[in-house]
């Protein structure tokens, strides 16, 4: 089956703690994987998804519409939560979504959009649905019933630039997840260097104002303080403008 091109939304899934489950369940783990595949395939295909790849306990799907991909992820989590797993196991699956315009090659999709979707999935926890800023924008206010959006802020994802990440929280779950498995994106290098230079400059000015003989200090105190106040005010304005640009 030919994979859809143009603008598509990728959905990656992965069972959290699969090695631990294998150790706990032994031979029953094979049934867990089989049930997991069946449940997600049914939901994803019903939402118009195309299976790109599957490896062990992980899935890679593409969807022509972002809203369908989000609906598939939500219904997939609900199907997994309702299922009675062998040995009473708790099977938690993390999911990550990103929308882009990848190249469709002979071996499937090619491009950084695929990597970005996979990294978003890897940053999550079992039972969590994470989406990129692009997917969140396309989703708009048309959320599936019983779903709310949580802004998790920018995160520095491996191999790619930072991504603003959102969580789609299922109301019935009531779960609170730990921080993302990725460091929060810090200031841009230029902005950080600029802040450091400002800090050093202010320290130099303060040191100069407070040093020297008593006669010199008395003579220049008023002028120095006025210049310092004006300098600090100008620096604050510059910093604010730069931060707004980022």
C-alpha atoms as a PDB file:
ATOM      1  CA  UNK A   1       0.000   0.000   0.000  1.00  0.00           C
ATOM      2  CA  UNK A   2       1.388   3.410  -1.012  1.00  0.00           C
ATOM      3  CA  UNK A   3       2.096   5.778   1.850  1.00  0.00           C
ATOM      4  CA  UNK A   4       0.356   9.174   1.747  1.00  0.00           C
ATOM      5  CA  UNK A   5       2.540  12.148   0.866  1.00  0.00           C
ATOM      6  CA  UNK A   6       2.188  15.868   1.394  1.00  0.00           C
ATOM      7  CA  UNK A   7       1.351  16.978   4.913  1.00  0.00           C
ATOM      8  CA  UNK A   8       1.061  13.975   7.214  1.00  0.00           C
ATOM      9  CA  UNK A   9       1.018  13.394  10.955  1.00  0.00           C
ATOM     10  CA  UNK A  10       3.296  10.741  12.388  1.00  0.00           C
ATOM     11  CA  UNK A  11       2.400   8.685  15.440  1.00  0.00           C
ATOM     12  CA  UNK A  12       5.042   6.684  17.297  1.00  0.00           C
ATOM     13  CA  UNK A  13       4.216   4.336  20.177  1.00  0.00           C
ATOM     14  CA  UNK A  14       6.338   2.289  22.550  1.00  0.00           C
ATOM     15  CA  UNK A  15       5.646   0.112  25.607  1.00  0.00           C
ATOM     16  CA  UNK A  16       7.360   1.555  28.673  1.00  0.00           C
ATOM     17  CA  UNK A  17       9.385  -0.891  30.761  1.00  0.00           C
ATOM     18  CA  UNK A  18       9.099  -3.762  28.289  1.00  0.00           C
ATOM     19  CA  UNK A  19      12.198  -5.494  29.679  1.00  0.00           C
ATOM     20  CA  UNK A  20      10.755  -5.394  33.191  1.00  0.00           C
ATOM     21  CA  UNK A  21       7.447  -6.784  31.934  1.00  0.00           C
ATOM     22  CA  UNK A  22       9.267  -9.594  30.136  1.00  0.00           C
ATOM     23  CA  UNK A  23      11.081 -10.523  33.350  1.00  0.00           C
ATOM     24  CA  UNK A  24       7.865 -10.416  35.383  1.00  0.00           C
ATOM     25  CA  UNK A  25       5.591 -12.254  32.946  1.00  0.00           C
ATOM     26  CA  UNK A  26       7.938 -14.685  31.245  1.00  0.00           C
ATOM     27  CA  UNK A  27       6.079 -16.583  28.524  1.00  0.00           C
ATOM     28  CA  UNK A  28       2.955 -14.464  29.079  1.00  0.00           C
ATOM     29  CA  UNK A  29       4.779 -11.443  27.669  1.00  0.00           C
ATOM     30  CA  UNK A  30       4.254 -12.806  24.163  1.00  0.00           C
ATOM     31  CA  UNK A  31       0.507 -12.531  24.711  1.00  0.00           C
ATOM     32  CA  UNK A  32       0.926  -8.971  25.992  1.00  0.00           C
ATOM     33  CA  UNK A  33       2.695  -7.952  22.780  1.00  0.00           C
ATOM     34  CA  UNK A  34       0.084  -9.697  20.639  1.00  0.00           C
ATOM     35  CA  UNK A  35      -2.831  -8.038  22.468  1.00  0.00           C
ATOM     36  CA  UNK A  36      -1.093  -4.659  22.336  1.00  0.00           C
ATOM     37  CA  UNK A  37      -0.589  -4.927  18.581  1.00  0.00           C
ATOM     38  CA  UNK A  38      -4.168  -6.050  17.934  1.00  0.00           C
ATOM     39  CA  UNK A  39      -5.739  -3.295  20.022  1.00  0.00           C
ATOM     40  CA  UNK A  40      -3.712  -0.473  18.520  1.00  0.00           C
ATOM     41  CA  UNK A  41      -3.973  -1.723  14.953  1.00  0.00           C
ATOM     42  CA  UNK A  42      -7.755  -1.867  15.186  1.00  0.00           C
ATOM     43  CA  UNK A  43      -7.983   1.687  16.508  1.00  0.00           C
ATOM     44  CA  UNK A  44      -5.341   3.209  14.238  1.00  0.00           C
ATOM     45  CA  UNK A  45      -6.707   1.640  11.077  1.00  0.00           C
ATOM     46  CA  UNK A  46     -10.246   2.705  11.934  1.00  0.00           C
ATOM     47  CA  UNK A  47      -8.961   6.301  12.166  1.00  0.00           C
ATOM     48  CA  UNK A  48      -7.398   6.119   8.701  1.00  0.00           C
ATOM     49  CA  UNK A  49      -3.842   5.375   9.784  1.00  0.00           C
ATOM     50  CA  UNK A  50      -1.188   3.698   7.660  1.00  0.00           C
ATOM     51  CA  UNK A  51       1.223   1.304   9.347  1.00  0.00           C
ATOM     52  CA  UNK A  52       4.723   2.339   8.318  1.00  0.00           C
ATOM     53  CA  UNK A  53       6.738   0.037  10.552  1.00  0.00           C
ATOM     54  CA  UNK A  54       6.546  -2.106  13.678  1.00  0.00           C
ATOM     55  CA  UNK A  55       9.455  -3.420  15.711  1.00  0.00           C
ATOM     56  CA  UNK A  56       8.830  -5.510  18.787  1.00  0.00           C
ATOM     57  CA  UNK A  57       6.594  -3.423  21.044  1.00  0.00           C
ATOM     58  CA  UNK A  58       6.790  -0.208  18.992  1.00  0.00           C
ATOM     59  CA  UNK A  59       4.582   1.167  16.210  1.00  0.00           C
ATOM     60  CA  UNK A  60       5.118   3.823  13.545  1.00  0.00           C
ATOM     61  CA  UNK A  61       1.959   5.107  11.816  1.00  0.00           C
ATOM     62  CA  UNK A  62       1.128   8.002   9.498  1.00  0.00           C
ATOM     63  CA  UNK A  63      -2.181   9.826   9.115  1.00  0.00           C
ATOM     64  CA  UNK A  64      -3.342  12.251   6.396  1.00  0.00           C
ATOM     65  CA  UNK A  65      -5.035  14.445   9.036  1.00  0.00           C
ATOM     66  CA  UNK A  66      -3.714  15.617  12.384  1.00  0.00           C
ATOM     67  CA  UNK A  67      -7.123  15.360  14.046  1.00  0.00           C
ATOM     68  CA  UNK A  68      -7.453  11.713  13.007  1.00  0.00           C
ATOM     69  CA  UNK A  69      -4.012  10.934  14.398  1.00  0.00           C
ATOM     70  CA  UNK A  70      -4.865  12.573  17.707  1.00  0.00           C
ATOM     71  CA  UNK A  71      -8.181  10.731  17.879  1.00  0.00           C
ATOM     72  CA  UNK A  72      -6.356   7.461  17.192  1.00  0.00           C
ATOM     73  CA  UNK A  73      -3.854   8.114  19.983  1.00  0.00           C
ATOM     74  CA  UNK A  74      -6.598   8.953  22.484  1.00  0.00           C
ATOM     75  CA  UNK A  75      -8.746   5.949  21.572  1.00  0.00           C
ATOM     76  CA  UNK A  76      -5.658   3.754  21.592  1.00  0.00           C
ATOM     77  CA  UNK A  77      -4.819   4.742  25.153  1.00  0.00           C
ATOM     78  CA  UNK A  78      -8.388   4.112  26.224  1.00  0.00           C
ATOM     79  CA  UNK A  79      -8.443   0.680  24.587  1.00  0.00           C
ATOM     80  CA  UNK A  80      -5.209  -0.252  26.351  1.00  0.00           C
ATOM     81  CA  UNK A  81      -6.550   0.985  29.700  1.00  0.00           C
ATOM     82  CA  UNK A  82      -9.748  -1.086  29.381  1.00  0.00           C
ATOM     83  CA  UNK A  83      -7.982  -4.301  28.447  1.00  0.00           C
ATOM     84  CA  UNK A  84      -7.389  -7.093  30.973  1.00  0.00           C
ATOM     85  CA  UNK A  85      -3.758  -8.052  30.581  1.00  0.00           C
ATOM     86  CA  UNK A  86      -2.272 -11.478  31.302  1.00  0.00           C
ATOM     87  CA  UNK A  87      -1.134 -11.895  34.891  1.00  0.00           C
ATOM     88  CA  UNK A  88      -2.807  -8.616  35.867  1.00  0.00           C
ATOM     89  CA  UNK A  89       0.087  -6.711  34.298  1.00  0.00           C
ATOM     90  CA  UNK A  90      -0.007  -2.953  33.876  1.00  0.00           C
ATOM     91  CA  UNK A  91       0.901  -2.155  30.276  1.00  0.00           C
ATOM     92  CA  UNK A  92       1.690   1.525  29.718  1.00  0.00           C
ATOM     93  CA  UNK A  93       2.389   2.892  26.250  1.00  0.00           C
ATOM     94  CA  UNK A  94       3.905   6.281  25.455  1.00  0.00           C
ATOM     95  CA  UNK A  95       2.849   8.054  22.260  1.00  0.00           C
ATOM     96  CA  UNK A  96       4.322  10.973  20.319  1.00  0.00           C
ATOM     97  CA  UNK A  97       2.881  12.893  17.367  1.00  0.00           C
ATOM     98  CA  UNK A  98       4.313  15.432  14.937  1.00  0.00           C
ATOM     99  CA  UNK A  99       3.045  16.875  11.658  1.00  0.00           C
ATOM    100  CA  UNK A 100       5.288  17.679   8.708  1.00  0.00           C
ATOM    101  CA  UNK A 101       5.904  17.320   4.989  1.00  0.00           C
ATOM    102  CA  UNK A 102       8.425  14.474   4.646  1.00  0.00           C
ATOM    103  CA  UNK A 103       9.794  12.945   1.492  1.00  0.00           C
ATOM    104  CA  UNK A 104       8.333   9.567   0.547  1.00  0.00           C
ATOM    105  CA  UNK A 105      11.132   7.314  -0.720  1.00  0.00           C
ATOM    106  CA  UNK A 106      11.396   3.694  -1.766  1.00  0.00           C
ATOM    107  CA  UNK A 107      11.992   2.660   1.846  1.00  0.00           C
ATOM    108  CA  UNK A 108       9.271   4.856   3.357  1.00  0.00           C
ATOM    109  CA  UNK A 109       9.365   8.345   4.838  1.00  0.00           C
ATOM    110  CA  UNK A 110      12.588  10.334   4.896  1.00  0.00           C
ATOM    111  CA  UNK A 111      13.353  13.555   6.750  1.00  0.00           C
ATOM    112  CA  UNK A 112      13.748  15.265  10.091  1.00  0.00           C
ATOM    113  CA  UNK A 113       9.994  15.209  10.694  1.00  0.00           C
ATOM    114  CA  UNK A 114      10.250  11.458  11.271  1.00  0.00           C
ATOM    115  CA  UNK A 115      13.088  11.956  13.742  1.00  0.00           C
ATOM    116  CA  UNK A 116      11.209  14.722  15.525  1.00  0.00           C
ATOM    117  CA  UNK A 117       8.116  12.548  16.017  1.00  0.00           C
ATOM    118  CA  UNK A 118      10.218   9.664  17.339  1.00  0.00           C
ATOM    119  CA  UNK A 119      12.094  11.928  19.769  1.00  0.00           C
ATOM    120  CA  UNK A 120       8.837  13.374  21.080  1.00  0.00           C
ATOM    121  CA  UNK A 121       7.606   9.850  21.790  1.00  0.00           C
ATOM    122  CA  UNK A 122      10.866   8.948  23.546  1.00  0.00           C
ATOM    123  CA  UNK A 123      10.564  11.993  25.815  1.00  0.00           C
ATOM    124  CA  UNK A 124       7.252  10.775  27.228  1.00  0.00           C
ATOM    125  CA  UNK A 125       6.170   8.293  29.872  1.00  0.00           C
ATOM    126  CA  UNK A 126       3.922   5.248  29.697  1.00  0.00           C
ATOM    127  CA  UNK A 127       0.282   6.273  29.263  1.00  0.00           C
ATOM    128  CA  UNK A 128       1.223   9.766  28.059  1.00  0.00           C
ATOM    129  CA  UNK A 129       0.390  11.392  24.704  1.00  0.00           C
ATOM    130  CA  UNK A 130       2.747  14.150  23.543  1.00  0.00           C
ATOM    131  CA  UNK A 131       2.303  16.338  20.466  1.00  0.00           C
ATOM    132  CA  UNK A 132       4.503  18.892  18.734  1.00  0.00           C
ATOM    133  CA  UNK A 133       3.646  22.559  18.386  1.00  0.00           C
ATOM    134  CA  UNK A 134       2.705  22.029  14.733  1.00  0.00           C
ATOM    135  CA  UNK A 135       0.261  19.231  15.524  1.00  0.00           C
ATOM    136  CA  UNK A 136      -1.200  21.242  18.407  1.00  0.00           C
ATOM    137  CA  UNK A 137      -1.799  24.209  16.095  1.00  0.00           C
ATOM    138  CA  UNK A 138      -3.560  22.060  13.493  1.00  0.00           C
ATOM    139  CA  UNK A 139      -5.712  20.498  16.183  1.00  0.00           C
ATOM    140  CA  UNK A 140      -7.053  23.887  17.228  1.00  0.00           C
ATOM    141  CA  UNK A 141     -10.023  23.687  19.569  1.00  0.00           C
ATOM    142  CA  UNK A 142     -11.332  20.408  18.126  1.00  0.00           C
ATOM    143  CA  UNK A 143     -10.234  18.153  20.948  1.00  0.00           C
ATOM    144  CA  UNK A 144     -11.643  14.660  21.437  1.00  0.00           C
ATOM    145  CA  UNK A 145     -14.213  14.434  24.213  1.00  0.00           C
ATOM    146  CA  UNK A 146     -12.702  14.182  27.671  1.00  0.00           C
ATOM    147  CA  UNK A 147      -9.293  15.486  26.599  1.00  0.00           C
ATOM    148  CA  UNK A 148      -7.470  18.607  27.769  1.00  0.00           C
ATOM    149  CA  UNK A 149      -4.216  20.152  26.565  1.00  0.00           C
ATOM    150  CA  UNK A 150      -1.303  20.861  28.901  1.00  0.00           C
ATOM    151  CA  UNK A 151       1.525  23.101  27.780  1.00  0.00           C
ATOM    152  CA  UNK A 152       4.797  21.434  28.811  1.00  0.00           C
ATOM    153  CA  UNK A 153       6.954  24.156  27.288  1.00  0.00           C
ATOM    154  CA  UNK A 154      10.056  23.857  25.081  1.00  0.00           C
ATOM    155  CA  UNK A 155      12.293  20.809  25.414  1.00  0.00           C
ATOM    156  CA  UNK A 156      15.699  20.088  23.923  1.00  0.00           C
ATOM    157  CA  UNK A 157      15.259  16.838  22.012  1.00  0.00           C
ATOM    158  CA  UNK A 158      18.170  14.641  20.988  1.00  0.00           C
ATOM    159  CA  UNK A 159      19.620  15.256  17.504  1.00  0.00           C
ATOM    160  CA  UNK A 160      17.215  18.104  16.688  1.00  0.00           C
ATOM    161  CA  UNK A 161      16.525  21.648  17.807  1.00  0.00           C
ATOM    162  CA  UNK A 162      14.206  22.325  20.682  1.00  0.00           C
ATOM    163  CA  UNK A 163      10.506  21.569  20.298  1.00  0.00           C
ATOM    164  CA  UNK A 164       7.555  23.057  22.135  1.00  0.00           C
ATOM    165  CA  UNK A 165       5.745  20.039  23.550  1.00  0.00           C
ATOM    166  CA  UNK A 166       2.123  19.636  24.629  1.00  0.00           C
ATOM    167  CA  UNK A 167       0.425  16.809  26.486  1.00  0.00           C
ATOM    168  CA  UNK A 168      -3.037  15.514  25.625  1.00  0.00           C
ATOM    169  CA  UNK A 169      -4.418  14.490  28.996  1.00  0.00           C
ATOM    170  CA  UNK A 170      -7.332  12.075  29.326  1.00  0.00           C
ATOM    171  CA  UNK A 171      -9.765  13.406  31.918  1.00  0.00           C
ATOM    172  CA  UNK A 172     -10.660   9.936  33.205  1.00  0.00           C
ATOM    173  CA  UNK A 173      -7.028   9.085  33.824  1.00  0.00           C
ATOM    174  CA  UNK A 174      -6.244  11.820  36.316  1.00  0.00           C
ATOM    175  CA  UNK A 175      -2.567  10.880  36.050  1.00  0.00           C
ATOM    176  CA  UNK A 176       0.252  13.293  36.708  1.00  0.00           C
ATOM    177  CA  UNK A 177       3.456  12.464  34.846  1.00  0.00           C
ATOM    178  CA  UNK A 178       7.061  13.237  35.805  1.00  0.00           C
ATOM    179  CA  UNK A 179       8.997  15.836  33.792  1.00  0.00           C
ATOM    180  CA  UNK A 180       9.818  14.963  30.205  1.00  0.00           C
ATOM    181  CA  UNK A 181      12.769  12.693  29.567  1.00  0.00           C
ATOM    182  CA  UNK A 182      14.536  15.604  27.901  1.00  0.00           C
ATOM    183  CA  UNK A 183      16.117  18.755  29.352  1.00  0.00           C
ATOM    184  CA  UNK A 184      14.101  21.941  29.088  1.00  0.00           C
ATOM    185  CA  UNK A 185      15.349  24.088  26.232  1.00  0.00           C
ATOM    186  CA  UNK A 186      17.518  26.846  27.649  1.00  0.00           C
ATOM    187  CA  UNK A 187      18.270  30.274  26.306  1.00  0.00           C
ATOM    188  CA  UNK A 188      19.677  30.579  22.832  1.00  0.00           C
ATOM    189  CA  UNK A 189      23.462  30.783  22.796  1.00  0.00           C
ATOM    190  CA  UNK A 190      23.442  34.389  21.568  1.00  0.00           C
ATOM    191  CA  UNK A 191      20.972  35.475  24.236  1.00  0.00           C
ATOM    192  CA  UNK A 192      22.989  33.778  26.977  1.00  0.00           C
ATOM    193  CA  UNK A 193      26.246  35.379  25.810  1.00  0.00           C
ATOM    194  CA  UNK A 194      24.547  38.766  25.704  1.00  0.00           C
ATOM    195  CA  UNK A 195      23.193  38.351  29.250  1.00  0.00           C
ATOM    196  CA  UNK A 196      26.656  37.338  30.472  1.00  0.00           C
ATOM    197  CA  UNK A 197      28.245  40.390  28.886  1.00  0.00           C
ATOM    198  CA  UNK A 198      25.648  42.683  30.441  1.00  0.00           C
ATOM    199  CA  UNK A 199      26.231  41.166  33.874  1.00  0.00           C
ATOM    200  CA  UNK A 200      30.010  41.557  33.592  1.00  0.00           C
ATOM    201  CA  UNK A 201      29.657  45.143  32.364  1.00  0.00           C
ATOM    202  CA  UNK A 202      27.431  46.119  35.293  1.00  0.00           C
ATOM    203  CA  UNK A 203      29.843  44.494  37.733  1.00  0.00           C
ATOM    204  CA  UNK A 204      32.740  46.455  36.180  1.00  0.00           C
ATOM    205  CA  UNK A 205      30.800  49.705  36.417  1.00  0.00           C
ATOM    206  CA  UNK A 206      29.898  49.099  40.054  1.00  0.00           C
ATOM    207  CA  UNK A 207      33.475  48.230  40.899  1.00  0.00           C
ATOM    208  CA  UNK A 208      34.735  51.381  39.172  1.00  0.00           C
ATOM    209  CA  UNK A 209      32.144  53.536  40.932  1.00  0.00           C
ATOM    210  CA  UNK A 210      33.087  52.192  44.355  1.00  0.00           C
ATOM    211  CA  UNK A 211      36.865  52.310  43.887  1.00  0.00           C
ATOM    212  CA  UNK A 212      39.356  55.216  43.966  1.00  0.00           C
ATOM    213  CA  UNK A 213      40.084  57.927  46.533  1.00  0.00           C
ATOM    214  CA  UNK A 214      37.478  59.509  48.729  1.00  0.00           C
ATOM    215  CA  UNK A 215      37.943  62.861  46.968  1.00  0.00           C
ATOM    216  CA  UNK A 216      37.297  61.324  43.564  1.00  0.00           C
ATOM    217  CA  UNK A 217      34.239  59.485  44.853  1.00  0.00           C
ATOM    218  CA  UNK A 218      32.693  62.624  46.290  1.00  0.00           C
ATOM    219  CA  UNK A 219      33.343  64.519  43.093  1.00  0.00           C
ATOM    220  CA  UNK A 220      31.816  61.949  40.755  1.00  0.00           C
ATOM    221  CA  UNK A 221      29.161  60.209  42.891  1.00  0.00           C
ATOM    222  CA  UNK A 222      26.157  62.119  41.528  1.00  0.00           C
ATOM    223  CA  UNK A 223      27.273  61.862  37.894  1.00  0.00           C
ATOM    224  CA  UNK A 224      28.193  58.190  38.278  1.00  0.00           C
ATOM    225  CA  UNK A 225      24.872  57.232  39.817  1.00  0.00           C
ATOM    226  CA  UNK A 226      22.909  59.017  37.099  1.00  0.00           C
ATOM    227  CA  UNK A 227      24.923  57.287  34.371  1.00  0.00           C
ATOM    228  CA  UNK A 228      24.500  53.921  36.082  1.00  0.00           C
ATOM    229  CA  UNK A 229      20.715  54.317  36.350  1.00  0.00           C
ATOM    230  CA  UNK A 230      20.456  55.289  32.676  1.00  0.00           C
ATOM    231  CA  UNK A 231      22.724  52.389  31.688  1.00  0.00           C
ATOM    232  CA  UNK A 232      20.710  49.813  33.601  1.00  0.00           C
ATOM    233  CA  UNK A 233      17.452  51.139  32.142  1.00  0.00           C
ATOM    234  CA  UNK A 234      18.819  50.916  28.600  1.00  0.00           C
ATOM    235  CA  UNK A 235      20.107  47.380  29.211  1.00  0.00           C
ATOM    236  CA  UNK A 236      16.733  46.221  30.553  1.00  0.00           C
ATOM    237  CA  UNK A 237      14.984  47.530  27.423  1.00  0.00           C
ATOM    238  CA  UNK A 238      17.493  45.779  25.132  1.00  0.00           C
ATOM    239  CA  UNK A 239      17.147  42.483  27.001  1.00  0.00           C
ATOM    240  CA  UNK A 240      13.354  42.614  26.836  1.00  0.00           C
ATOM    241  CA  UNK A 241      13.450  43.269  23.089  1.00  0.00           C
ATOM    242  CA  UNK A 242      15.823  40.353  22.501  1.00  0.00           C
ATOM    243  CA  UNK A 243      13.729  37.966  24.613  1.00  0.00           C
ATOM    244  CA  UNK A 244      10.600  38.960  22.706  1.00  0.00           C
ATOM    245  CA  UNK A 245      12.435  38.173  19.478  1.00  0.00           C
ATOM    246  CA  UNK A 246      13.159  34.641  20.744  1.00  0.00           C
END
